[in-house]
Amino acid sequence: MSSILDLSLYESGEQKIQWVRGYMPLLSGLEKEFEKEKPFAGLRVALSVHLEAKTAYLCRVLASGGAKMYVTGSNPLSTQDDVAAALVKSGLQVFAVHGATPEQYSAHLKEVIAAAPHIIIDDGGDLVNLIHNSFPQLLSNVIGGCEETTTGIIRLRAMAADKKLLFPMMAVNNAKCKYLFDNRYGTGQSVFDGINRTTNLIVAGKTVVVAGYGWCGKGVSMRAKGLGAKVVVTEVDAVKAMEAVMDGFTVMPMEQAAEVGDLFITVTGCRDVITERAMRRMKDGAILCNAGHFNVEIHVGDLEKLAVKTYESRKNITGYRMADGRTLHLIAEGRLVNLAAGDGHPAEIMDMSFAIQALSARYLAKHRGELSPGVYDIPQKIDDEVARRKLAAWGVSVDTLSKEQKTYLHSWNV
């Protein structure tokens, strides 16, 4: 039995799913193909991804291919209860509630894994960790899985290095058609969608501090600049810091940036990026938010320790009044701001990322028993297929190499 807030909410959830479906031509095409092929016939799929409309459509596409779907969210504040209801109404098993307590969230993950899945689609590594640590008796059922995000792949590679990863996992995040577009353009836009709709403040003229200059940080910095902000980047990687400088941004340590920043956005995948030492230096009214997967980048415990008063300064924003009279504001409890305070990445972007998920899951089903445990890059063929499909959906054509050109590019004696 599913565990959701209220099945009667399904109509607005269905409306959301149908809206994004109209802007996700790759998934729409795969849905038709999967209906004919049934690549997941007889297979159970456990999915833990931010449970909103785009994810819901991915679930339906996999179900169209014969998968028995067991679905939960990957963040308590990103679940949309009406979307969960729409999935249950259409026959899928869903275990997710917006604002779930830590105990509820854990219970929902366990419900999904208890279904003994053959394929796991994860976002941050929670399901993979759970089945290894708490359900080892079910590991033999697993064909493999797909990981959506940078943080999850870091976890997987650590598990593989310790020889603890006991089935193959596809590194979806590392596909070019994922990180070049989802991480950069998707994160860049959706972070400010979440910030702007929650704060109702202008970005232009502010100093925006972006912690981390990976692909997500590049996207956030680019969008901040486009909105008229002065951008400061903080980094621990010298090469990425050089990139930021040459892209026109100011680079400095966080404690120095704390003194000039108006809006702080963490997007590193690491913990304790903003701590008490920086918080003590921040301006009155500074706004903090996180765009990394887990809510560990901004040390909320330090905010609570420093505060003499904590209050709701605006819906989904917590104010922390300091002893010296300054107030710092935290959006969405320090959780993933583009989903905990918004609707996540645009549908057209997630169309590519979720097409990679769907094709990677089909790849696992087709190659059942052929892959050893470990972390696998997405086959170039899948990346190319997604790119070709997307260009076709845009009505864009590209050149092709002649036989002579191919020979030239693959020869040394020319």
Protein backbone atom coordinates (compact mmCIF):
# COMPACT_ATOMS: atom_id res chain seq x y z
CA MET A 1 0.00 0.00 0.00
CA SER A 2 1.19 3.48 -0.86
CA SER A 3 1.81 6.09 1.82
CA ILE A 4 0.97 9.63 0.68
CA LEU A 5 -0.77 12.65 2.18
CA ASP A 6 -4.11 12.70 0.35
CA LEU A 7 -5.24 10.86 -2.78
CA SER A 8 -7.90 13.49 -3.46
CA LEU A 9 -5.15 15.93 -4.47
CA TYR A 10 -4.50 13.98 -7.67
CA GLU A 11 -6.22 16.34 -10.13
CA SER A 12 -3.75 19.22 -9.70
CA GLY A 13 -0.88 16.73 -9.72
CA GLU A 14 -2.11 15.27 -12.99
CA GLN A 15 -2.34 18.77 -14.45
CA LYS A 16 1.32 19.39 -13.54
CA ILE A 17 2.42 16.10 -15.09
CA GLN A 18 0.55 16.76 -18.31
CA TRP A 19 2.06 20.26 -18.52
CA VAL A 20 5.66 19.04 -18.36
CA ARG A 21 4.85 16.10 -20.64
CA GLY A 22 4.16 18.61 -23.40
CA TYR A 23 7.70 19.94 -23.09
CA MET A 24 9.56 16.63 -22.74
CA PRO A 25 9.65 15.18 -26.27
CA LEU A 26 12.47 12.74 -25.55
CA LEU A 27 10.56 11.04 -22.76
CA SER A 28 7.40 11.11 -24.87
CA GLY A 29 9.23 9.28 -27.65
CA LEU A 30 10.68 6.75 -25.23
CA GLU A 31 7.25 6.18 -23.71
CA LYS A 32 5.94 5.05 -27.10
CA GLU A 33 8.98 2.85 -27.72
CA PHE A 34 8.82 1.28 -24.26
CA GLU A 35 5.13 0.52 -24.65
CA LYS A 36 6.03 -1.65 -27.66
CA GLU A 37 9.31 -3.14 -26.40
CA LYS A 38 8.42 -3.72 -22.72
CA PRO A 39 12.12 -3.73 -21.72
CA PHE A 40 11.24 -3.85 -17.99
CA ALA A 41 8.61 -6.58 -18.13
CA GLY A 42 8.65 -8.49 -14.85
CA LEU A 43 11.11 -6.08 -13.21
CA ARG A 44 10.63 -4.02 -10.07
CA VAL A 45 12.16 -0.54 -10.10
CA ALA A 46 12.84 1.44 -6.92
CA LEU A 47 13.19 5.17 -7.49
CA SER A 48 14.27 7.92 -5.10
CA VAL A 49 14.38 11.24 -6.95
CA HIS A 50 12.87 14.63 -6.05
CA LEU A 51 9.19 13.83 -6.41
CA GLU A 52 7.69 16.50 -8.62
CA ALA A 53 6.09 16.51 -12.06
CA LYS A 54 9.13 15.71 -14.25
CA THR A 55 10.10 12.80 -12.01
CA ALA A 56 6.52 11.58 -12.09
CA TYR A 57 6.58 11.49 -15.86
CA LEU A 58 9.82 9.50 -15.81
CA CYS A 59 8.08 7.01 -13.51
CA ARG A 60 5.24 6.65 -15.96
CA VAL A 61 7.62 6.16 -18.88
CA LEU A 62 9.36 3.34 -17.02
CA ALA A 63 5.99 1.85 -16.08
CA SER A 64 4.98 1.97 -19.74
CA GLY A 65 7.93 -0.35 -20.36
CA GLY A 66 6.53 -2.92 -17.96
CA ALA A 67 8.28 -1.83 -14.76
CA LYS A 68 6.53 -2.25 -11.42
CA MET A 69 7.37 1.12 -9.86
CA TYR A 70 8.09 1.80 -6.18
CA VAL A 71 8.63 5.51 -5.74
CA THR A 72 9.80 7.87 -3.02
CA GLY A 73 11.38 11.31 -2.85
CA SER A 74 14.98 12.25 -2.20
CA ASN A 75 14.35 15.30 -0.03
CA PRO A 76 11.50 15.90 2.46
CA LEU A 77 10.80 19.40 1.16
CA SER A 78 10.89 18.64 -2.57
CA THR A 79 7.99 16.17 -2.60
CA GLN A 80 4.79 17.60 -4.08
CA ASP A 81 1.82 15.84 -2.50
CA ASP A 82 -0.52 16.36 -5.43
CA VAL A 83 1.99 14.82 -7.84
CA ALA A 84 2.42 11.83 -5.51
CA ALA A 85 -1.35 11.44 -5.46
CA ALA A 86 -1.53 11.50 -9.27
CA LEU A 87 1.01 8.67 -9.49
CA VAL A 88 -0.93 6.56 -6.99
CA LYS A 89 -4.15 7.27 -8.88
CA SER A 90 -2.51 5.85 -12.02
CA GLY A 91 -1.50 2.66 -10.23
CA LEU A 92 2.07 3.22 -9.02
CA GLN A 93 3.26 2.54 -5.49
CA VAL A 94 4.39 5.79 -3.83
CA PHE A 95 5.78 6.45 -0.37
CA ALA A 96 6.39 10.17 0.11
CA VAL A 97 4.97 13.17 1.95
CA HIS A 98 6.03 16.81 1.76
CA GLY A 99 7.69 17.90 5.01
CA ALA A 100 8.25 14.33 6.18
CA THR A 101 10.00 13.98 9.52
CA PRO A 102 13.39 12.22 9.48
CA GLU A 103 11.63 9.12 10.78
CA GLN A 104 8.97 9.24 8.06
CA TYR A 105 11.56 9.89 5.36
CA SER A 106 13.59 6.88 6.50
CA ALA A 107 10.47 4.71 6.66
CA HIS A 108 9.54 5.66 3.09
CA LEU A 109 12.99 4.69 1.81
CA LYS A 110 12.67 1.36 3.57
CA GLU A 111 9.23 0.71 2.04
CA VAL A 112 10.70 1.15 -1.43
CA ILE A 113 13.69 -1.10 -0.81
CA ALA A 114 11.54 -3.73 0.91
CA ALA A 115 9.91 -4.32 -2.48
CA ALA A 116 13.12 -6.18 -3.47
CA PRO A 117 13.91 -4.08 -6.56
CA HIS A 118 15.76 -5.31 -9.62
CA ILE A 119 16.80 -1.80 -10.69
CA ILE A 120 17.48 1.20 -8.43
CA ILE A 121 17.26 4.79 -9.65
CA ASP A 122 18.87 6.96 -6.99
CA ASP A 123 19.54 10.64 -6.37
CA GLY A 124 22.18 11.10 -3.68
CA GLY A 125 22.78 7.46 -2.85
CA ASP A 126 20.20 6.90 -0.12
CA LEU A 127 18.65 3.77 -1.63
CA VAL A 128 21.99 2.20 -2.49
CA ASN A 129 23.33 2.81 1.00
CA LEU A 130 20.15 1.51 2.56
CA ILE A 131 20.02 -1.77 0.68
CA HIS A 132 23.70 -2.47 1.39
CA ASN A 133 23.50 -1.61 5.09
CA SER A 134 20.00 -2.68 6.12
CA PHE A 135 18.70 -5.12 3.49
CA PRO A 136 21.69 -7.25 2.46
CA GLN A 137 19.39 -10.22 1.89
CA LEU A 138 17.90 -8.36 -1.09
CA LEU A 139 21.18 -7.54 -2.85
CA SER A 140 21.07 -10.66 -5.00
CA ASN A 141 17.89 -9.37 -6.70
CA VAL A 142 19.55 -6.20 -7.96
CA ILE A 143 20.58 -6.07 -11.62
CA GLY A 144 22.05 -2.60 -11.17
CA GLY A 145 21.16 1.02 -10.78
CA CYS A 146 21.53 4.61 -11.98
CA GLU A 147 22.74 7.60 -9.96
CA GLU A 148 21.49 11.07 -10.82
CA THR A 149 23.75 13.48 -8.98
CA THR A 150 27.36 14.40 -8.19
CA THR A 151 27.02 13.73 -4.47
CA GLY A 152 25.68 10.24 -5.09
CA ILE A 153 28.52 9.37 -7.46
CA ILE A 154 31.06 10.53 -4.88
CA ARG A 155 29.46 8.09 -2.44
CA LEU A 156 29.40 5.29 -5.00
CA ARG A 157 33.07 5.70 -5.91
CA ALA A 158 33.97 5.60 -2.22
CA MET A 159 31.95 2.40 -1.82
CA ALA A 160 33.58 0.86 -4.90
CA ALA A 161 37.08 1.81 -3.67
CA ASP A 162 36.33 0.01 -0.39
CA LYS A 163 34.93 -2.96 -2.38
CA LYS A 164 31.56 -2.45 -0.69
CA LEU A 165 29.49 -1.75 -3.82
CA LEU A 166 27.97 -5.09 -4.73
CA PHE A 167 26.19 -4.34 -8.02
CA PRO A 168 26.82 -2.16 -11.10
CA MET A 169 25.78 1.50 -10.99
CA MET A 170 25.52 3.79 -14.00
CA ALA A 171 26.95 7.29 -13.39
CA VAL A 172 24.14 9.24 -15.06
CA ASN A 173 25.43 12.55 -13.69
CA ASN A 174 28.68 12.11 -15.65
CA ALA A 175 26.99 11.86 -19.04
CA LYS A 176 27.69 14.93 -21.18
CA CYS A 177 24.01 15.41 -21.93
CA LYS A 178 23.45 15.55 -18.18
CA TYR A 179 26.14 17.67 -16.56
CA LEU A 180 26.71 20.12 -19.41
CA PHE A 181 23.03 21.06 -19.45
CA ASP A 182 21.27 19.90 -16.27
CA ASN A 183 24.05 20.93 -13.87
CA ARG A 184 24.89 24.16 -15.65
CA TYR A 185 21.75 25.57 -17.29
CA GLY A 186 19.22 23.72 -15.16
CA THR A 187 20.79 24.56 -11.81
CA GLY A 188 21.61 28.08 -12.92
CA GLN A 189 18.00 28.89 -13.73
CA SER A 190 16.15 26.87 -11.10
CA VAL A 191 18.25 28.18 -8.20
CA PHE A 192 17.19 31.72 -8.98
CA ASP A 193 13.63 30.60 -9.69
CA GLY A 194 13.54 29.29 -6.11
CA ILE A 195 15.32 32.29 -4.58
CA ASN A 196 13.29 34.92 -6.41
CA ARG A 197 9.87 33.42 -5.80
CA THR A 198 10.70 32.92 -2.10
CA THR A 199 12.36 36.25 -1.28
CA ASN A 200 10.66 38.64 -3.75
CA LEU A 201 13.94 40.61 -3.78
CA ILE A 202 16.02 41.89 -6.68
CA VAL A 203 19.31 40.25 -7.65
CA ALA A 204 20.71 43.16 -9.69
CA GLY A 205 23.18 45.24 -7.73
CA LYS A 206 23.70 42.63 -5.03
CA THR A 207 26.94 40.76 -4.33
CA VAL A 208 26.22 37.06 -4.78
CA VAL A 209 28.73 34.64 -3.23
CA VAL A 210 28.78 31.27 -4.99
CA ALA A 211 30.59 28.52 -3.07
CA GLY A 212 31.96 26.01 -5.56
CA TYR A 213 32.75 26.38 -9.25
CA GLY A 214 31.91 22.99 -10.66
CA TRP A 215 29.34 22.74 -13.43
CA CYS A 216 26.52 23.70 -11.07
CA GLY A 217 28.53 26.60 -9.66
CA LYS A 218 29.35 27.77 -13.17
CA GLY A 219 25.65 27.83 -14.01
CA VAL A 220 24.67 29.68 -10.83
CA SER A 221 27.46 32.26 -11.33
CA MET A 222 26.50 32.79 -14.96
CA ARG A 223 22.85 33.40 -14.09
CA ALA A 224 23.73 35.69 -11.17
CA LYS A 225 25.86 37.78 -13.51
CA GLY A 226 23.09 37.83 -16.10
CA LEU A 227 20.66 39.12 -13.48
CA GLY A 228 23.00 42.02 -12.75
CA ALA A 229 24.80 40.80 -9.64
CA LYS A 230 28.43 41.20 -8.72
CA VAL A 231 29.67 37.62 -8.31
CA VAL A 232 32.25 36.32 -5.85
CA VAL A 233 33.32 32.68 -6.09
CA THR A 234 34.89 30.65 -3.28
CA GLU A 235 36.82 27.48 -4.13
CA VAL A 236 39.27 24.90 -2.75
CA ASP A 237 40.38 23.73 -6.20
CA ALA A 238 43.09 25.94 -7.73
CA VAL A 239 42.19 25.06 -11.32
CA LYS A 240 38.49 25.83 -10.83
CA ALA A 241 39.45 29.07 -9.09
CA MET A 242 41.49 29.98 -12.17
CA GLU A 243 38.49 29.25 -14.37
CA ALA A 244 36.34 31.55 -12.26
CA VAL A 245 38.88 34.37 -12.49
CA MET A 246 39.17 34.01 -16.26
CA ASP A 247 35.38 33.91 -16.55
CA GLY A 248 35.39 37.37 -14.99
CA PHE A 249 34.50 36.61 -11.37
CA THR A 250 36.22 37.63 -8.14
CA VAL A 251 37.68 34.74 -6.12
CA MET A 252 38.38 34.87 -2.39
CA PRO A 253 38.12 32.68 0.74
CA MET A 254 34.70 32.33 2.35
CA GLU A 255 35.57 34.29 5.47
CA GLN A 256 36.60 37.25 3.31
CA ALA A 257 33.57 36.85 1.03
CA ALA A 258 31.33 36.79 4.12
CA GLU A 259 32.03 40.48 4.69
CA VAL A 260 30.84 41.61 1.25
CA GLY A 261 28.11 39.14 0.30
CA ASP A 262 24.39 39.90 0.22
CA LEU A 263 23.28 36.48 -1.03
CA PHE A 264 25.20 33.24 -0.41
CA ILE A 265 24.63 30.10 -2.50
CA THR A 266 26.52 26.90 -1.63
CA VAL A 267 26.90 24.34 -4.40
CA THR A 268 29.92 22.21 -3.49
CA GLY A 269 28.68 18.75 -2.51
CA CYS A 270 30.74 19.07 0.69
CA ARG A 271 29.84 19.80 4.30
CA ASP A 272 30.50 22.81 6.54
CA VAL A 273 31.05 25.28 3.71
CA ILE A 274 29.54 28.17 5.67
CA THR A 275 30.14 27.96 9.42
CA GLU A 276 30.20 30.18 12.49
CA ARG A 277 33.46 31.90 11.48
CA ALA A 278 31.87 33.23 8.30
CA MET A 279 28.48 33.91 9.89
CA ARG A 280 30.04 36.25 12.45
CA ARG A 281 31.34 38.43 9.59
CA MET A 282 28.17 38.65 7.50
CA LYS A 283 26.12 41.77 6.91
CA ASP A 284 22.80 42.38 8.58
CA GLY A 285 20.12 40.95 6.29
CA ALA A 286 22.39 38.53 4.44
CA ILE A 287 20.50 35.64 2.83
CA LEU A 288 21.87 32.10 2.81
CA CYS A 289 20.76 29.14 0.70
CA ASN A 290 22.09 25.81 -0.50
CA ALA A 291 22.02 24.29 -3.98
CA GLY A 292 23.93 21.11 -3.08
CA HIS A 293 22.12 17.81 -2.63
CA PHE A 294 22.27 17.46 1.16
CA ASN A 295 21.54 20.12 3.78
CA VAL A 296 25.05 19.99 5.25
CA GLU A 297 26.78 22.80 3.37
CA ILE A 298 25.43 25.57 5.59
CA HIS A 299 26.01 24.68 9.25
CA VAL A 300 22.51 25.26 10.59
CA GLY A 301 23.65 24.22 14.06
CA ASP A 302 26.04 27.17 14.10
CA LEU A 303 23.25 29.54 13.10
CA GLU A 304 21.09 28.22 15.92
CA LYS A 305 23.97 28.53 18.40
CA LEU A 306 24.67 32.14 17.43
CA ALA A 307 21.04 33.24 17.37
CA VAL A 308 19.31 34.83 20.34
CA LYS A 309 16.03 34.63 18.46
CA THR A 310 14.77 32.42 15.65
CA TYR A 311 11.60 33.20 13.73
CA GLU A 312 9.86 32.85 10.35
CA SER A 313 10.88 35.99 8.50
CA ARG A 314 8.85 34.99 5.44
CA LYS A 315 7.26 31.75 4.29
CA ASN A 316 10.05 29.16 3.88
CA ILE A 317 12.67 31.60 5.23
CA THR A 318 14.00 31.43 8.79
CA GLY A 319 15.46 34.53 10.45
CA TYR A 320 18.31 34.20 12.94
CA ARG A 321 18.74 37.29 15.13
CA MET A 322 22.27 37.62 16.47
CA ALA A 323 23.28 39.09 19.83
CA ASP A 324 24.75 42.14 18.06
CA GLY A 325 21.42 42.89 16.37
CA ARG A 326 22.23 41.47 12.92
CA THR A 327 19.79 39.07 11.29
CA LEU A 328 20.77 36.32 8.86
CA HIS A 329 18.09 34.64 6.76
CA LEU A 330 18.13 30.97 5.69
CA ILE A 331 15.97 29.74 2.81
CA ALA A 332 14.26 26.33 3.03
CA GLU A 333 16.17 25.09 6.08
CA GLY A 334 19.35 24.97 4.04
CA ARG A 335 17.90 22.25 1.82
CA LEU A 336 18.19 22.16 -1.96
CA VAL A 337 16.83 25.61 -2.78
CA ASN A 338 15.70 24.96 -6.35
CA LEU A 339 13.39 22.16 -5.18
CA ALA A 340 12.68 22.98 -1.54
CA ALA A 341 11.75 26.52 -2.61
CA GLY A 342 10.81 25.91 -6.26
CA ASP A 343 9.80 23.37 -8.88
CA GLY A 344 13.31 22.22 -9.79
CA HIS A 345 14.97 22.32 -13.18
CA PRO A 346 12.95 23.28 -16.26
CA ALA A 347 11.13 20.47 -18.04
CA GLU A 348 13.20 20.77 -21.23
CA ILE A 349 16.40 20.22 -19.25
CA MET A 350 15.11 17.27 -17.26
CA ASP A 351 13.90 15.76 -20.52
CA MET A 352 17.55 15.08 -21.37
CA SER A 353 18.60 13.93 -17.90
CA PHE A 354 15.65 11.60 -17.50
CA ALA A 355 16.04 10.26 -21.03
CA ILE A 356 19.54 9.22 -19.98
CA GLN A 357 18.05 7.61 -16.85
CA ALA A 358 15.50 5.69 -18.88
CA LEU A 359 17.98 4.54 -21.53
CA SER A 360 20.53 3.57 -18.87
CA ALA A 361 17.91 1.53 -17.04
CA ARG A 362 17.07 -0.21 -20.33
CA TYR A 363 20.80 -0.83 -20.85
CA LEU A 364 21.00 -2.52 -17.45
CA ALA A 365 17.97 -4.68 -18.21
CA LYS A 366 19.42 -5.75 -21.58
CA HIS A 367 22.82 -6.55 -20.08
CA ARG A 368 21.57 -8.33 -16.99
CA GLY A 369 24.30 -10.46 -15.47
CA GLU A 370 27.01 -9.13 -17.78
CA LEU A 371 28.31 -6.26 -15.62
CA SER A 372 30.47 -6.70 -12.54
CA PRO A 373 29.91 -4.54 -9.45
CA GLY A 374 31.29 -1.03 -9.85
CA VAL A 375 30.59 2.46 -11.18
CA TYR A 376 30.16 2.67 -14.95
CA ASP A 377 30.23 5.66 -17.25
CA ILE A 378 27.21 6.03 -19.49
CA PRO A 379 27.97 4.45 -22.90
CA GLN A 380 28.81 7.10 -25.50
CA LYS A 381 26.07 5.64 -27.67
CA ILE A 382 23.43 6.71 -25.12
CA ASP A 383 24.87 10.23 -24.84
CA ASP A 384 24.90 10.55 -28.63
CA GLU A 385 21.38 9.20 -28.94
CA VAL A 386 20.03 11.73 -26.44
CA ALA A 387 21.81 14.58 -28.23
CA ARG A 388 20.47 13.51 -31.63
CA ARG A 389 16.94 13.17 -30.29
CA LYS A 390 17.09 16.60 -28.66
CA LEU A 391 18.39 18.27 -31.81
CA ALA A 392 15.65 16.59 -33.82
CA ALA A 393 13.04 17.86 -31.35
CA TRP A 394 14.43 21.37 -31.87
CA GLY A 395 14.39 20.94 -35.63
CA VAL A 396 18.17 21.36 -35.77
CA SER A 397 20.42 19.47 -38.20
CA VAL A 398 24.19 19.03 -38.08
CA ASP A 399 26.85 18.04 -40.59
CA THR A 400 28.16 14.50 -40.94
CA LEU A 401 31.72 13.43 -41.58
CA SER A 402 32.62 12.09 -45.02
CA LYS A 403 34.48 8.81 -45.35
CA GLU A 404 37.64 10.76 -46.11
CA GLN A 405 37.23 12.94 -43.03
CA LYS A 406 36.74 9.92 -40.79
CA THR A 407 39.88 8.35 -42.22
CA TYR A 408 41.81 11.57 -41.66
CA LEU A 409 40.70 11.89 -38.05
CA HIS A 410 41.63 8.30 -37.22
CA SER A 411 44.94 8.08 -39.05
CA TRP A 412 48.46 9.01 -38.09
CA ASN A 413 50.17 8.70 -41.47
CA VAL A 414 48.42 11.47 -43.42
